[in-house]
């Protein structure tokens, strides 16, 4: 699945991931390939990228928005730190 993690300053990550776990406004949620489309607000917390069934990279965001479409996911974060 294609993921784009974007802060106001730059594109922090773009590429293929197996799964992503994101801190939604009402709780964490996971996104896999061909997920049902939706859009949600995000809260502060870790964005965890998975490859081969294991956590691969973790970024910390301070909030923002997420759009999920069948082809992938776009996270527009207020700020991003590489954890």
N, C-alpha and C. Protein backbone atom coordinates (compact mmCIF):
# COMPACT_ATOMS: atom_id res chain seq x y z
N UNK A 1 0.85 -1.17 0.00
CA UNK A 1 0.00 0.00 0.00
C UNK A 1 0.90 1.24 0.00
N UNK A 2 0.50 2.24 -0.73
CA UNK A 2 1.25 3.49 -0.83
C UNK A 2 0.91 4.41 0.36
N UNK A 3 1.94 4.92 1.02
CA UNK A 3 1.76 5.86 2.13
C UNK A 3 2.51 7.14 1.83
N UNK A 4 1.87 8.27 2.12
CA UNK A 4 2.54 9.57 2.11
C UNK A 4 2.33 10.21 3.47
N UNK A 5 3.43 10.53 4.15
CA UNK A 5 3.41 11.22 5.44
C UNK A 5 4.00 12.59 5.21
N UNK A 6 3.18 13.61 5.39
CA UNK A 6 3.55 14.96 4.98
C UNK A 6 3.41 15.93 6.16
N UNK A 7 4.44 16.74 6.38
CA UNK A 7 4.38 17.82 7.36
C UNK A 7 4.29 19.13 6.59
N UNK A 8 4.03 20.25 7.27
CA UNK A 8 3.99 21.52 6.56
C UNK A 8 5.31 21.87 5.85
N UNK A 9 6.42 21.36 6.37
CA UNK A 9 7.73 21.69 5.81
C UNK A 9 8.15 20.82 4.64
N UNK A 10 7.75 19.51 4.67
CA UNK A 10 8.27 18.60 3.66
C UNK A 10 7.50 17.29 3.64
N UNK A 11 7.77 16.49 2.61
CA UNK A 11 7.29 15.12 2.57
C UNK A 11 8.26 14.30 3.40
N UNK A 12 7.78 13.76 4.51
CA UNK A 12 8.63 13.04 5.46
C UNK A 12 8.87 11.61 4.98
N UNK A 13 7.83 10.97 4.46
CA UNK A 13 7.94 9.60 3.98
C UNK A 13 6.96 9.39 2.84
N UNK A 14 7.39 8.72 1.81
CA UNK A 14 6.50 8.25 0.76
C UNK A 14 7.05 6.92 0.28
N UNK A 15 6.17 5.94 0.21
CA UNK A 15 6.61 4.61 -0.22
C UNK A 15 5.59 3.56 0.13
N UNK A 16 5.96 2.32 -0.17
CA UNK A 16 5.07 1.19 0.10
C UNK A 16 5.28 0.67 1.51
N UNK A 17 4.18 0.36 2.19
CA UNK A 17 4.20 -0.27 3.50
C UNK A 17 3.18 -1.40 3.50
N UNK A 18 3.37 -2.34 4.40
CA UNK A 18 2.42 -3.44 4.53
C UNK A 18 1.18 -2.99 5.29
N UNK A 19 1.42 -2.23 6.37
CA UNK A 19 0.34 -1.73 7.23
C UNK A 19 0.84 -0.49 7.93
N UNK A 20 -0.11 0.35 8.35
CA UNK A 20 0.22 1.53 9.14
C UNK A 20 -0.77 1.62 10.29
N UNK A 21 -0.28 1.97 11.48
CA UNK A 21 -1.14 2.21 12.64
C UNK A 21 -1.03 3.69 12.98
N UNK A 22 -2.20 4.35 13.06
CA UNK A 22 -2.26 5.81 13.13
C UNK A 22 -3.08 6.22 14.36
N UNK A 23 -2.68 7.30 15.07
CA UNK A 23 -3.45 7.77 16.22
C UNK A 23 -4.63 8.64 15.80
N UNK A 24 -5.78 8.02 15.61
CA UNK A 24 -6.98 8.76 15.24
C UNK A 24 -7.53 9.56 16.41
N UNK A 25 -8.38 10.52 16.11
CA UNK A 25 -8.96 11.37 17.15
C UNK A 25 -9.74 10.57 18.18
N UNK A 26 -10.32 9.43 17.77
CA UNK A 26 -11.12 8.61 18.68
C UNK A 26 -10.47 7.28 19.00
N UNK A 27 -9.19 7.15 18.68
CA UNK A 27 -8.47 5.92 18.98
C UNK A 27 -7.57 5.50 17.83
N UNK A 28 -6.62 4.65 18.12
CA UNK A 28 -5.70 4.17 17.10
C UNK A 28 -6.44 3.29 16.10
N UNK A 29 -5.98 3.32 14.84
CA UNK A 29 -6.56 2.44 13.83
C UNK A 29 -5.47 1.98 12.88
N UNK A 30 -5.67 0.81 12.32
CA UNK A 30 -4.73 0.24 11.38
C UNK A 30 -5.29 0.30 9.97
N UNK A 31 -4.41 0.47 9.00
CA UNK A 31 -4.81 0.53 7.60
C UNK A 31 -3.99 -0.49 6.81
N UNK A 32 -4.70 -1.32 6.07
CA UNK A 32 -4.09 -2.29 5.16
C UNK A 32 -4.47 -1.92 3.74
N UNK A 33 -3.83 -2.57 2.78
CA UNK A 33 -4.13 -2.36 1.37
C UNK A 33 -5.63 -2.57 1.10
N UNK A 34 -6.22 -1.74 0.27
CA UNK A 34 -7.62 -1.79 -0.14
C UNK A 34 -8.60 -1.55 1.01
N UNK A 35 -8.19 -0.75 1.98
CA UNK A 35 -9.05 -0.37 3.10
C UNK A 35 -10.21 0.46 2.58
N UNK A 36 -11.33 0.42 3.26
CA UNK A 36 -12.48 1.25 2.90
C UNK A 36 -12.09 2.73 3.02
N UNK A 37 -12.52 3.57 2.08
CA UNK A 37 -12.16 4.99 2.12
C UNK A 37 -12.79 5.72 3.31
N UNK A 38 -12.03 6.61 3.91
CA UNK A 38 -12.55 7.51 4.93
C UNK A 38 -11.53 8.61 5.20
N UNK A 39 -11.96 9.62 5.95
CA UNK A 39 -11.09 10.73 6.35
C UNK A 39 -11.35 11.00 7.82
N UNK A 40 -10.28 11.30 8.56
CA UNK A 40 -10.43 11.54 9.99
C UNK A 40 -9.39 12.52 10.49
N UNK A 41 -9.69 13.13 11.63
CA UNK A 41 -8.72 13.95 12.33
C UNK A 41 -7.79 13.05 13.12
N UNK A 42 -6.57 13.52 13.37
CA UNK A 42 -5.59 12.77 14.13
C UNK A 42 -5.23 13.49 15.41
N UNK A 43 -4.82 12.73 16.39
CA UNK A 43 -4.34 13.31 17.66
C UNK A 43 -2.83 13.06 17.75
N UNK A 44 -2.21 13.60 18.77
CA UNK A 44 -0.78 13.40 18.99
C UNK A 44 -0.51 11.93 19.29
N UNK A 45 0.58 11.41 18.72
CA UNK A 45 0.95 10.03 19.01
C UNK A 45 1.83 9.44 17.93
N UNK A 46 2.14 8.15 18.07
CA UNK A 46 3.03 7.49 17.12
C UNK A 46 2.30 7.02 15.86
N UNK A 47 2.97 7.16 14.73
CA UNK A 47 2.54 6.57 13.46
C UNK A 47 3.54 5.45 13.20
N UNK A 48 3.05 4.21 13.21
CA UNK A 48 3.92 3.05 13.09
C UNK A 48 3.75 2.39 11.73
N UNK A 49 4.86 2.25 11.00
CA UNK A 49 4.85 1.62 9.68
C UNK A 49 5.32 0.18 9.84
N UNK A 50 4.60 -0.75 9.22
CA UNK A 50 4.93 -2.17 9.31
C UNK A 50 5.39 -2.71 7.97
N UNK A 51 6.40 -3.58 8.03
CA UNK A 51 6.88 -4.35 6.89
C UNK A 51 7.12 -5.78 7.37
N UNK A 52 6.72 -6.76 6.59
CA UNK A 52 6.93 -8.17 6.93
C UNK A 52 6.37 -8.53 8.30
N UNK A 53 5.23 -7.95 8.64
CA UNK A 53 4.56 -8.28 9.90
C UNK A 53 5.15 -7.68 11.15
N UNK A 54 6.17 -6.80 11.00
CA UNK A 54 6.82 -6.20 12.16
C UNK A 54 6.91 -4.68 12.01
N UNK A 55 6.92 -3.96 13.15
CA UNK A 55 7.14 -2.51 13.07
C UNK A 55 8.48 -2.23 12.40
N UNK A 56 8.48 -1.30 11.44
CA UNK A 56 9.69 -0.98 10.68
C UNK A 56 10.20 0.42 11.01
N UNK A 57 9.28 1.39 11.06
CA UNK A 57 9.63 2.78 11.38
C UNK A 57 8.52 3.38 12.22
N UNK A 58 8.90 4.31 13.10
CA UNK A 58 7.92 5.02 13.93
C UNK A 58 8.19 6.51 13.82
N UNK A 59 7.13 7.26 13.57
CA UNK A 59 7.18 8.72 13.56
C UNK A 59 6.20 9.22 14.61
N UNK A 60 6.49 10.33 15.24
CA UNK A 60 5.56 10.93 16.20
C UNK A 60 4.97 12.19 15.57
N UNK A 61 3.62 12.27 15.60
CA UNK A 61 2.94 13.44 15.05
C UNK A 61 2.25 14.19 16.19
N UNK A 62 1.91 15.45 15.94
CA UNK A 62 1.21 16.25 16.96
C UNK A 62 -0.24 16.49 16.58
N UNK A 63 -0.73 15.78 15.60
CA UNK A 63 -2.11 15.93 15.14
C UNK A 63 -2.13 16.13 13.64
N UNK A 64 -3.32 16.27 13.10
CA UNK A 64 -3.46 16.49 11.67
C UNK A 64 -4.67 15.78 11.11
N UNK A 65 -4.58 15.36 9.85
CA UNK A 65 -5.67 14.69 9.15
C UNK A 65 -5.13 13.48 8.40
N UNK A 66 -6.00 12.51 8.17
CA UNK A 66 -5.63 11.33 7.41
C UNK A 66 -6.74 11.04 6.40
N UNK A 67 -6.34 10.73 5.17
CA UNK A 67 -7.28 10.28 4.16
C UNK A 67 -6.85 8.89 3.71
N UNK A 68 -7.79 7.96 3.78
CA UNK A 68 -7.55 6.59 3.34
C UNK A 68 -8.38 6.35 2.08
N UNK A 69 -7.71 5.84 1.05
CA UNK A 69 -8.38 5.46 -0.19
C UNK A 69 -7.95 4.03 -0.49
N UNK A 70 -8.66 3.32 -1.38
CA UNK A 70 -8.28 1.92 -1.63
C UNK A 70 -6.82 1.73 -2.05
N UNK A 71 -6.22 2.71 -2.69
CA UNK A 71 -4.83 2.58 -3.16
C UNK A 71 -3.80 2.92 -2.09
N UNK A 72 -4.20 3.55 -1.00
CA UNK A 72 -3.21 3.93 -0.01
C UNK A 72 -3.73 4.91 1.02
N UNK A 73 -2.80 5.66 1.61
CA UNK A 73 -3.11 6.52 2.74
C UNK A 73 -2.24 7.78 2.66
N UNK A 74 -2.86 8.93 2.99
CA UNK A 74 -2.13 10.19 3.07
C UNK A 74 -2.34 10.74 4.48
N UNK A 75 -1.24 10.99 5.18
CA UNK A 75 -1.27 11.60 6.51
C UNK A 75 -0.71 13.00 6.38
N UNK A 76 -1.54 13.99 6.68
CA UNK A 76 -1.12 15.40 6.71
C UNK A 76 -0.98 15.79 8.18
N UNK A 77 0.24 15.82 8.66
CA UNK A 77 0.51 16.03 10.07
C UNK A 77 0.86 17.47 10.37
N UNK A 78 0.47 17.95 11.56
CA UNK A 78 0.83 19.30 12.00
C UNK A 78 2.34 19.41 12.16
N UNK A 79 2.97 18.38 12.72
CA UNK A 79 4.43 18.27 12.79
C UNK A 79 4.78 16.80 12.94
N UNK A 80 6.01 16.47 12.51
CA UNK A 80 6.46 15.07 12.52
C UNK A 80 7.88 15.00 13.07
N UNK A 81 8.11 14.04 13.97
CA UNK A 81 9.46 13.74 14.46
C UNK A 81 9.74 12.27 14.17
N UNK A 82 10.94 11.97 13.76
CA UNK A 82 11.35 10.59 13.54
C UNK A 82 11.73 10.00 14.89
N UNK A 83 11.01 8.98 15.33
CA UNK A 83 11.25 8.39 16.66
C UNK A 83 12.32 7.32 16.63
